[in-house]
Amino acid sequence: MIALIIGWYTVTFIFYLLAEINMEIYKIMADLVQQGVSIIMVSSELPELISVADNILVMREGVMKGVLSKGEINQERIMSFATAE
């Protein structure tokens, strides 16, 4: 039981560290964008993309399926392009 509790704390700590690292990365990205730098971010994590992207280009099997700008971005639209034939 003690090993399980220690393991749970370890996993929780790792997730906390990853969240902190991601927040720092997003801050750096936002600072760069404010300086006029363009950033290409590749991710399959929709909440992550939706929270940081100004535009999203959706590809499936190497083919561009759609482009969404800030006001159009939501999970349903992204998935409709990602699953389109």
PDB file of N, CA and C in Angstrom:
ATOM      1  N   MET A   1       0.816  -1.190   0.000  1.00  0.00           N
ATOM      2  CA  MET A   1       0.000   0.000   0.000  1.00  0.00           C
ATOM      3  C   MET A   1       0.865   1.262   0.000  1.00  0.00           C
ATOM      4  N   ILE A   2       1.975   1.225   0.728  1.00  0.00           N
ATOM      5  CA  ILE A   2       2.850   2.395   0.767  1.00  0.00           C
ATOM      6  C   ILE A   2       3.441   2.667  -0.617  1.00  0.00           C
ATOM      7  N   ALA A   3       3.836   1.622  -1.329  1.00  0.00           N
ATOM      8  CA  ALA A   3       4.393   1.802  -2.674  1.00  0.00           C
ATOM      9  C   ALA A   3       3.362   2.433  -3.597  1.00  0.00           C
ATOM     10  N   LEU A   4       2.109   2.026  -3.465  1.00  0.00           N
ATOM     11  CA  LEU A   4       1.052   2.593  -4.285  1.00  0.00           C
ATOM     12  C   LEU A   4       0.878   4.080  -3.997  1.00  0.00           C
ATOM     13  N   ILE A   5       0.898   4.442  -2.742  1.00  0.00           N
ATOM     14  CA  ILE A   5       0.753   5.859  -2.374  1.00  0.00           C
ATOM     15  C   ILE A   5       1.957   6.654  -2.873  1.00  0.00           C
ATOM     16  N   ILE A   6       3.142   6.128  -2.690  1.00  0.00           N
ATOM     17  CA  ILE A   6       4.336   6.820  -3.191  1.00  0.00           C
ATOM     18  C   ILE A   6       4.258   6.939  -4.705  1.00  0.00           C
ATOM     19  N   GLY A   7       3.834   5.877  -5.385  1.00  0.00           N
ATOM     20  CA  GLY A   7       3.680   5.921  -6.833  1.00  0.00           C
ATOM     21  C   GLY A   7       2.673   6.966  -7.250  1.00  0.00           C
ATOM     22  N   TRP A   8       1.560   7.073  -6.543  1.00  0.00           N
ATOM     23  CA  TRP A   8       0.543   8.077  -6.868  1.00  0.00           C
ATOM     24  C   TRP A   8       1.112   9.483  -6.725  1.00  0.00           C
ATOM     25  N   TYR A   9       1.847   9.741  -5.630  1.00  0.00           N
ATOM     26  CA  TYR A   9       2.467  11.055  -5.447  1.00  0.00           C
ATOM     27  C   TYR A   9       3.475  11.350  -6.549  1.00  0.00           C
ATOM     28  N   THR A  10       4.230  10.339  -6.942  1.00  0.00           N
ATOM     29  CA  THR A  10       5.217  10.515  -8.002  1.00  0.00           C
ATOM     30  C   THR A  10       4.535  10.879  -9.314  1.00  0.00           C
ATOM     31  N   VAL A  11       3.478  10.164  -9.658  1.00  0.00           N
ATOM     32  CA  VAL A  11       2.748  10.448 -10.890  1.00  0.00           C
ATOM     33  C   VAL A  11       2.141  11.844 -10.833  1.00  0.00           C
ATOM     34  N   THR A  12       1.543  12.191  -9.705  1.00  0.00           N
ATOM     35  CA  THR A  12       0.958  13.525  -9.549  1.00  0.00           C
ATOM     36  C   THR A  12       2.016  14.602  -9.705  1.00  0.00           C
ATOM     37  N   PHE A  13       3.183  14.402  -9.119  1.00  0.00           N
ATOM     38  CA  PHE A  13       4.266  15.363  -9.217  1.00  0.00           C
ATOM     39  C   PHE A  13       4.751  15.509 -10.659  1.00  0.00           C
ATOM     40  N   ILE A  14       4.843  14.388 -11.364  1.00  0.00           N
ATOM     41  CA  ILE A  14       5.280  14.431 -12.766  1.00  0.00           C
ATOM     42  C   ILE A  14       4.273  15.213 -13.605  1.00  0.00           C
ATOM     43  N   PHE A  15       2.969  14.960 -13.408  1.00  0.00           N
ATOM     44  CA  PHE A  15       1.957  15.706 -14.152  1.00  0.00           C
ATOM     45  C   PHE A  15       2.014  17.194 -13.818  1.00  0.00           C
ATOM     46  N   TYR A  16       2.264  17.526 -12.553  1.00  0.00           N
ATOM     47  CA  TYR A  16       2.396  18.918 -12.145  1.00  0.00           C
ATOM     48  C   TYR A  16       3.589  19.560 -12.852  1.00  0.00           C
ATOM     49  N   LEU A  17       4.716  18.868 -12.883  1.00  0.00           N
ATOM     50  CA  LEU A  17       5.902  19.391 -13.558  1.00  0.00           C
ATOM     51  C   LEU A  17       5.654  19.602 -15.048  1.00  0.00           C
ATOM     52  N   LEU A  18       5.010  18.632 -15.686  1.00  0.00           N
ATOM     53  CA  LEU A  18       4.716  18.765 -17.116  1.00  0.00           C
ATOM     54  C   LEU A  18       3.800  19.954 -17.381  1.00  0.00           C
ATOM     55  N   ALA A  19       2.806  20.154 -16.532  1.00  0.00           N
ATOM     56  CA  ALA A  19       1.902  21.296 -16.691  1.00  0.00           C
ATOM     57  C   ALA A  19       2.666  22.603 -16.532  1.00  0.00           C
ATOM     58  N   GLU A  20       3.556  22.674 -15.563  1.00  0.00           N
ATOM     59  CA  GLU A  20       4.358  23.879 -15.351  1.00  0.00           C
ATOM     60  C   GLU A  20       5.280  24.143 -16.539  1.00  0.00           C
ATOM     61  N   ILE A  21       5.880  23.100 -17.068  1.00  0.00           N
ATOM     62  CA  ILE A  21       6.761  23.239 -18.227  1.00  0.00           C
ATOM     63  C   ILE A  21       5.961  23.725 -19.429  1.00  0.00           C
ATOM     64  N   ASN A  22       4.789  23.126 -19.653  1.00  0.00           N
ATOM     65  CA  ASN A  22       3.950  23.560 -20.774  1.00  0.00           C
ATOM     66  C   ASN A  22       3.558  25.020 -20.634  1.00  0.00           C
ATOM     67  N   MET A  23       3.197  25.452 -19.446  1.00  0.00           N
ATOM     68  CA  MET A  23       2.815  26.851 -19.245  1.00  0.00           C
ATOM     69  C   MET A  23       3.985  27.782 -19.572  1.00  0.00           C
ATOM     70  N   GLU A  24       5.178  27.393 -19.203  1.00  0.00           N
ATOM     71  CA  GLU A  24       6.359  28.202 -19.506  1.00  0.00           C
ATOM     72  C   GLU A  24       6.600  28.240 -21.020  1.00  0.00           C
ATOM     73  N   ILE A  25       6.426  27.111 -21.673  1.00  0.00           N
ATOM     74  CA  ILE A  25       6.591  27.067 -23.131  1.00  0.00           C
ATOM     75  C   ILE A  25       5.560  27.973 -23.799  1.00  0.00           C
ATOM     76  N   TYR A  26       4.302  27.922 -23.353  1.00  0.00           N
ATOM     77  CA  TYR A  26       3.255  28.768 -23.940  1.00  0.00           C
ATOM     78  C   TYR A  26       3.562  30.246 -23.722  1.00  0.00           C
ATOM     79  N   LYS A  27       4.128  30.588 -22.574  1.00  0.00           N
ATOM     80  CA  LYS A  27       4.498  31.978 -22.299  1.00  0.00           C
ATOM     81  C   LYS A  27       5.598  32.425 -23.263  1.00  0.00           C
ATOM     82  N   ILE A  28       6.590  31.586 -23.452  1.00  0.00           N
ATOM     83  CA  ILE A  28       7.672  31.905 -24.389  1.00  0.00           C
ATOM     84  C   ILE A  28       7.111  32.066 -25.807  1.00  0.00           C
ATOM     85  N   MET A  29       6.212  31.168 -26.196  1.00  0.00           N
ATOM     86  CA  MET A  29       5.606  31.252 -27.525  1.00  0.00           C
ATOM     87  C   MET A  29       4.838  32.561 -27.681  1.00  0.00           C
ATOM     88  N   ALA A  30       4.051  32.940 -26.677  1.00  0.00           N
ATOM     89  CA  ALA A  30       3.278  34.185 -26.745  1.00  0.00           C
ATOM     90  C   ALA A  30       4.200  35.393 -26.850  1.00  0.00           C
ATOM     91  N   ASP A  31       5.306  35.373 -26.110  1.00  0.00           N
ATOM     92  CA  ASP A  31       6.276  36.471 -26.188  1.00  0.00           C
ATOM     93  C   ASP A  31       6.878  36.565 -27.593  1.00  0.00           C
ATOM     94  N   LEU A  32       7.213  35.437 -28.174  1.00  0.00           N
ATOM     95  CA  LEU A  32       7.773  35.424 -29.525  1.00  0.00           C
ATOM     96  C   LEU A  32       6.768  35.941 -30.551  1.00  0.00           C
ATOM     97  N   VAL A  33       5.516  35.541 -30.425  1.00  0.00           N
ATOM     98  CA  VAL A  33       4.478  36.005 -31.344  1.00  0.00           C
ATOM     99  C   VAL A  33       4.321  37.519 -31.236  1.00  0.00           C
ATOM    100  N   GLN A  34       4.390  38.051 -30.015  1.00  0.00           N
ATOM    101  CA  GLN A  34       4.309  39.501 -29.825  1.00  0.00           C
ATOM    102  C   GLN A  34       5.458  40.224 -30.524  1.00  0.00           C
ATOM    103  N   GLN A  35       6.574  39.530 -30.699  1.00  0.00           N
ATOM    104  CA  GLN A  35       7.732  40.104 -31.390  1.00  0.00           C
ATOM    105  C   GLN A  35       7.655  39.907 -32.905  1.00  0.00           C
ATOM    106  N   GLY A  36       6.566  39.272 -33.371  1.00  0.00           N
ATOM    107  CA  GLY A  36       6.391  39.078 -34.806  1.00  0.00           C
ATOM    108  C   GLY A  36       6.887  37.749 -35.339  1.00  0.00           C
ATOM    109  N   VAL A  37       7.270  36.850 -34.454  1.00  0.00           N
ATOM    110  CA  VAL A  37       7.767  35.542 -34.872  1.00  0.00           C
ATOM    111  C   VAL A  37       6.579  34.616 -35.131  1.00  0.00           C
ATOM    112  N   SER A  38       6.635  33.899 -36.242  1.00  0.00           N
ATOM    113  CA  SER A  38       5.615  32.885 -36.534  1.00  0.00           C
ATOM    114  C   SER A  38       6.061  31.555 -35.953  1.00  0.00           C
ATOM    115  N   ILE A  39       5.124  30.808 -35.415  1.00  0.00           N
ATOM    116  CA  ILE A  39       5.430  29.514 -34.801  1.00  0.00           C
ATOM    117  C   ILE A  39       4.562  28.449 -35.443  1.00  0.00           C
ATOM    118  N   ILE A  40       5.188  27.361 -35.849  1.00  0.00           N
ATOM    119  CA  ILE A  40       4.454  26.205 -36.336  1.00  0.00           C
ATOM    120  C   ILE A  40       4.492  25.159 -35.229  1.00  0.00           C
ATOM    121  N   MET A  41       3.321  24.807 -34.744  1.00  0.00           N
ATOM    122  CA  MET A  41       3.203  23.842 -33.646  1.00  0.00           C
ATOM    123  C   MET A  41       2.479  22.611 -34.174  1.00  0.00           C
ATOM    124  N   VAL A  42       3.053  21.451 -33.964  1.00  0.00           N
ATOM    125  CA  VAL A  42       2.439  20.202 -34.406  1.00  0.00           C
ATOM    126  C   VAL A  42       1.985  19.451 -33.161  1.00  0.00           C
ATOM    127  N   SER A  43       0.691  19.140 -33.099  1.00  0.00           N
ATOM    128  CA  SER A  43       0.157  18.442 -31.934  1.00  0.00           C
ATOM    129  C   SER A  43      -1.146  17.757 -32.293  1.00  0.00           C
ATOM    130  N   SER A  44      -1.422  16.659 -31.624  1.00  0.00           N
ATOM    131  CA  SER A  44      -2.723  16.006 -31.762  1.00  0.00           C
ATOM    132  C   SER A  44      -3.591  16.276 -30.538  1.00  0.00           C
ATOM    133  N   GLU A  45      -3.102  17.098 -29.625  1.00  0.00           N
ATOM    134  CA  GLU A  45      -3.844  17.448 -28.414  1.00  0.00           C
ATOM    135  C   GLU A  45      -4.743  18.644 -28.705  1.00  0.00           C
ATOM    136  N   LEU A  46      -6.024  18.391 -28.978  1.00  0.00           N
ATOM    137  CA  LEU A  46      -6.930  19.463 -29.383  1.00  0.00           C
ATOM    138  C   LEU A  46      -7.066  20.583 -28.356  1.00  0.00           C
ATOM    139  N   PRO A  47      -7.243  20.298 -27.063  1.00  0.00           N
ATOM    140  CA  PRO A  47      -7.359  21.409 -26.113  1.00  0.00           C
ATOM    141  C   PRO A  47      -6.133  22.320 -26.133  1.00  0.00           C
ATOM    142  N   GLU A  48      -4.957  21.716 -26.277  1.00  0.00           N
ATOM    143  CA  GLU A  48      -3.715  22.476 -26.353  1.00  0.00           C
ATOM    144  C   GLU A  48      -3.721  23.383 -27.584  1.00  0.00           C
ATOM    145  N   LEU A  49      -4.056  22.825 -28.732  1.00  0.00           N
ATOM    146  CA  LEU A  49      -4.080  23.605 -29.969  1.00  0.00           C
ATOM    147  C   LEU A  49      -5.103  24.725 -29.902  1.00  0.00           C
ATOM    148  N   ILE A  50      -6.294  24.409 -29.446  1.00  0.00           N
ATOM    149  CA  ILE A  50      -7.368  25.408 -29.388  1.00  0.00           C
ATOM    150  C   ILE A  50      -6.986  26.566 -28.479  1.00  0.00           C
ATOM    151  N   SER A  51      -6.277  26.270 -27.404  1.00  0.00           N
ATOM    152  CA  SER A  51      -5.938  27.329 -26.447  1.00  0.00           C
ATOM    153  C   SER A  51      -4.822  28.253 -26.921  1.00  0.00           C
ATOM    154  N   VAL A  52      -3.952  27.795 -27.822  1.00  0.00           N
ATOM    155  CA  VAL A  52      -2.805  28.634 -28.202  1.00  0.00           C
ATOM    156  C   VAL A  52      -2.780  29.084 -29.658  1.00  0.00           C
ATOM    157  N   ALA A  53      -3.560  28.456 -30.522  1.00  0.00           N
ATOM    158  CA  ALA A  53      -3.424  28.713 -31.961  1.00  0.00           C
ATOM    159  C   ALA A  53      -4.227  29.921 -32.431  1.00  0.00           C
ATOM    160  N   ASP A  54      -3.630  30.663 -33.361  1.00  0.00           N
ATOM    161  CA  ASP A  54      -4.350  31.717 -34.081  1.00  0.00           C
ATOM    162  C   ASP A  54      -4.984  31.151 -35.344  1.00  0.00           C
ATOM    163  N   ASN A  55      -4.337  30.158 -35.930  1.00  0.00           N
ATOM    164  CA  ASN A  55      -4.832  29.465 -37.124  1.00  0.00           C
ATOM    165  C   ASN A  55      -4.478  27.998 -36.979  1.00  0.00           C
ATOM    166  N   ILE A  56      -5.348  27.144 -37.505  1.00  0.00           N
ATOM    167  CA  ILE A  56      -5.070  25.711 -37.487  1.00  0.00           C
ATOM    168  C   ILE A  56      -5.242  25.162 -38.897  1.00  0.00           C
ATOM    169  N   LEU A  57      -4.213  24.477 -39.367  1.00  0.00           N
ATOM    170  CA  LEU A  57      -4.263  23.775 -40.642  1.00  0.00           C
ATOM    171  C   LEU A  57      -4.418  22.296 -40.297  1.00  0.00           C
ATOM    172  N   VAL A  58      -5.490  21.673 -40.783  1.00  0.00           N
ATOM    173  CA  VAL A  58      -5.768  20.276 -40.469  1.00  0.00           C
ATOM    174  C   VAL A  58      -5.331  19.415 -41.646  1.00  0.00           C
ATOM    175  N   MET A  59      -4.509  18.409 -41.338  1.00  0.00           N
ATOM    176  CA  MET A  59      -4.042  17.485 -42.368  1.00  0.00           C
ATOM    177  C   MET A  59      -4.480  16.074 -42.016  1.00  0.00           C
ATOM    178  N   ARG A  60      -4.684  15.292 -43.058  1.00  0.00           N
ATOM    179  CA  ARG A  60      -5.006  13.871 -42.876  1.00  0.00           C
ATOM    180  C   ARG A  60      -4.286  13.108 -43.970  1.00  0.00           C
ATOM    181  N   GLU A  61      -3.480  12.138 -43.555  1.00  0.00           N
ATOM    182  CA  GLU A  61      -2.701  11.321 -44.479  1.00  0.00           C
ATOM    183  C   GLU A  61      -1.879  12.174 -45.434  1.00  0.00           C
ATOM    184  N   GLY A  62      -1.291  13.254 -44.913  1.00  0.00           N
ATOM    185  CA  GLY A  62      -0.414  14.110 -45.699  1.00  0.00           C
ATOM    186  C   GLY A  62      -1.109  15.093 -46.615  1.00  0.00           C
ATOM    187  N   VAL A  63      -2.435  15.168 -46.536  1.00  0.00           N
ATOM    188  CA  VAL A  63      -3.204  16.065 -47.402  1.00  0.00           C
ATOM    189  C   VAL A  63      -3.899  17.119 -46.540  1.00  0.00           C
ATOM    190  N   MET A  64      -3.784  18.391 -46.951  1.00  0.00           N
ATOM    191  CA  MET A  64      -4.449  19.455 -46.225  1.00  0.00           C
ATOM    192  C   MET A  64      -5.963  19.328 -46.405  1.00  0.00           C
ATOM    193  N   LYS A  65      -6.678  19.255 -45.305  1.00  0.00           N
ATOM    194  CA  LYS A  65      -8.133  19.088 -45.343  1.00  0.00           C
ATOM    195  C   LYS A  65      -8.885  20.372 -45.022  1.00  0.00           C
ATOM    196  N   GLY A  66      -8.232  21.328 -44.339  1.00  0.00           N
ATOM    197  CA  GLY A  66      -8.912  22.573 -44.019  1.00  0.00           C
ATOM    198  C   GLY A  66      -8.042  23.501 -43.200  1.00  0.00           C
ATOM    199  N   VAL A  67      -8.415  24.780 -43.217  1.00  0.00           N
ATOM    200  CA  VAL A  67      -7.722  25.803 -42.441  1.00  0.00           C
ATOM    201  C   VAL A  67      -8.775  26.562 -41.645  1.00  0.00           C
ATOM    202  N   LEU A  68      -8.524  26.735 -40.357  1.00  0.00           N
ATOM    203  CA  LEU A  68      -9.432  27.461 -39.478  1.00  0.00           C
ATOM    204  C   LEU A  68      -8.714  28.661 -38.878  1.00  0.00           C
ATOM    205  N   SER A  69      -9.379  29.798 -38.880  1.00  0.00           N
ATOM    206  CA  SER A  69      -8.809  30.983 -38.226  1.00  0.00           C
ATOM    207  C   SER A  69      -9.380  31.091 -36.816  1.00  0.00           C
ATOM    208  N   LYS A  70      -8.834  31.998 -36.027  1.00  0.00           N
ATOM    209  CA  LYS A  70      -9.131  32.096 -34.598  1.00  0.00           C
ATOM    210  C   LYS A  70     -10.627  31.992 -34.273  1.00  0.00           C
ATOM    211  N   GLY A  71     -11.473  32.721 -34.964  1.00  0.00           N
ATOM    212  CA  GLY A  71     -12.897  32.717 -34.660  1.00  0.00           C
ATOM    213  C   GLY A  71     -13.619  31.445 -35.066  1.00  0.00           C
ATOM    214  N   GLU A  72     -12.992  30.628 -35.895  1.00  0.00           N
ATOM    215  CA  GLU A  72     -13.618  29.403 -36.396  1.00  0.00           C
ATOM    216  C   GLU A  72     -13.176  28.151 -35.644  1.00  0.00           C
ATOM    217  N   ILE A  73     -12.164  28.284 -34.807  1.00  0.00           N
ATOM    218  CA  ILE A  73     -11.541  27.114 -34.184  1.00  0.00           C
ATOM    219  C   ILE A  73     -12.413  26.558 -33.065  1.00  0.00           C
ATOM    220  N   ASN A  74     -12.800  25.294 -33.231  1.00  0.00           N
ATOM    221  CA  ASN A  74     -13.416  24.532 -32.144  1.00  0.00           C
ATOM    222  C   ASN A  74     -13.194  23.051 -32.444  1.00  0.00           C
ATOM    223  N   GLN A  75     -13.398  22.225 -31.457  1.00  0.00           N
ATOM    224  CA  GLN A  75     -13.087  20.805 -31.586  1.00  0.00           C
ATOM    225  C   GLN A  75     -13.915  20.143 -32.687  1.00  0.00           C
ATOM    226  N   GLU A  76     -15.174  20.506 -32.796  1.00  0.00           N
ATOM    227  CA  GLU A  76     -16.034  19.880 -33.791  1.00  0.00           C
ATOM    228  C   GLU A  76     -15.554  20.178 -35.216  1.00  0.00           C
ATOM    229  N   ARG A  77     -15.177  21.431 -35.479  1.00  0.00           N
ATOM    230  CA  ARG A  77     -14.707  21.801 -36.825  1.00  0.00           C
ATOM    231  C   ARG A  77     -13.389  21.105 -37.150  1.00  0.00           C
ATOM    232  N   ILE A  78     -12.497  21.063 -36.175  1.00  0.00           N
ATOM    233  CA  ILE A  78     -11.215  20.385 -36.397  1.00  0.00           C
ATOM    234  C   ILE A  78     -11.455  18.912 -36.735  1.00  0.00           C
ATOM    235  N   MET A  79     -12.291  18.254 -35.951  1.00  0.00           N
ATOM    236  CA  MET A  79     -12.556  16.843 -36.176  1.00  0.00           C
ATOM    237  C   MET A  79     -13.290  16.592 -37.489  1.00  0.00           C
ATOM    238  N   SER A  80     -14.142  17.518 -37.915  1.00  0.00           N
ATOM    239  CA  SER A  80     -14.831  17.321 -39.190  1.00  0.00           C
ATOM    240  C   SER A  80     -13.828  17.324 -40.347  1.00  0.00           C
ATOM    241  N   PHE A  81     -12.817  18.180 -40.267  1.00  0.00           N
ATOM    242  CA  PHE A  81     -11.777  18.172 -41.301  1.00  0.00           C
ATOM    243  C   PHE A  81     -10.881  16.927 -41.161  1.00  0.00           C
ATOM    244  N   ALA A  82     -10.544  16.567 -39.933  1.00  0.00           N
ATOM    245  CA  ALA A  82      -9.627  15.450 -39.708  1.00  0.00           C
ATOM    246  C   ALA A  82     -10.208  14.106 -40.134  1.00  0.00           C
ATOM    247  N   THR A  83     -11.530  14.007 -40.137  1.00  0.00           N
ATOM    248  CA  THR A  83     -12.157  12.737 -40.502  1.00  0.00           C
ATOM    249  C   THR A  83     -12.762  12.762 -41.903  1.00  0.00           C
ATOM    250  N   ALA A  84     -12.638  13.885 -42.612  1.00  0.00           N
ATOM    251  CA  ALA A  84     -13.208  14.000 -43.954  1.00  0.00           C
ATOM    252  C   ALA A  84     -12.448  13.118 -44.931  1.00  0.00           C
ATOM    253  N   GLU A  85     -13.145  12.565 -45.862  1.00  0.00           N
ATOM    254  CA  GLU A  85     -12.514  11.727 -46.897  1.00  0.00           C
ATOM    255  C   GLU A  85     -11.986  12.580 -48.021  1.00  0.00           C
TER     256      GLU A  85
END
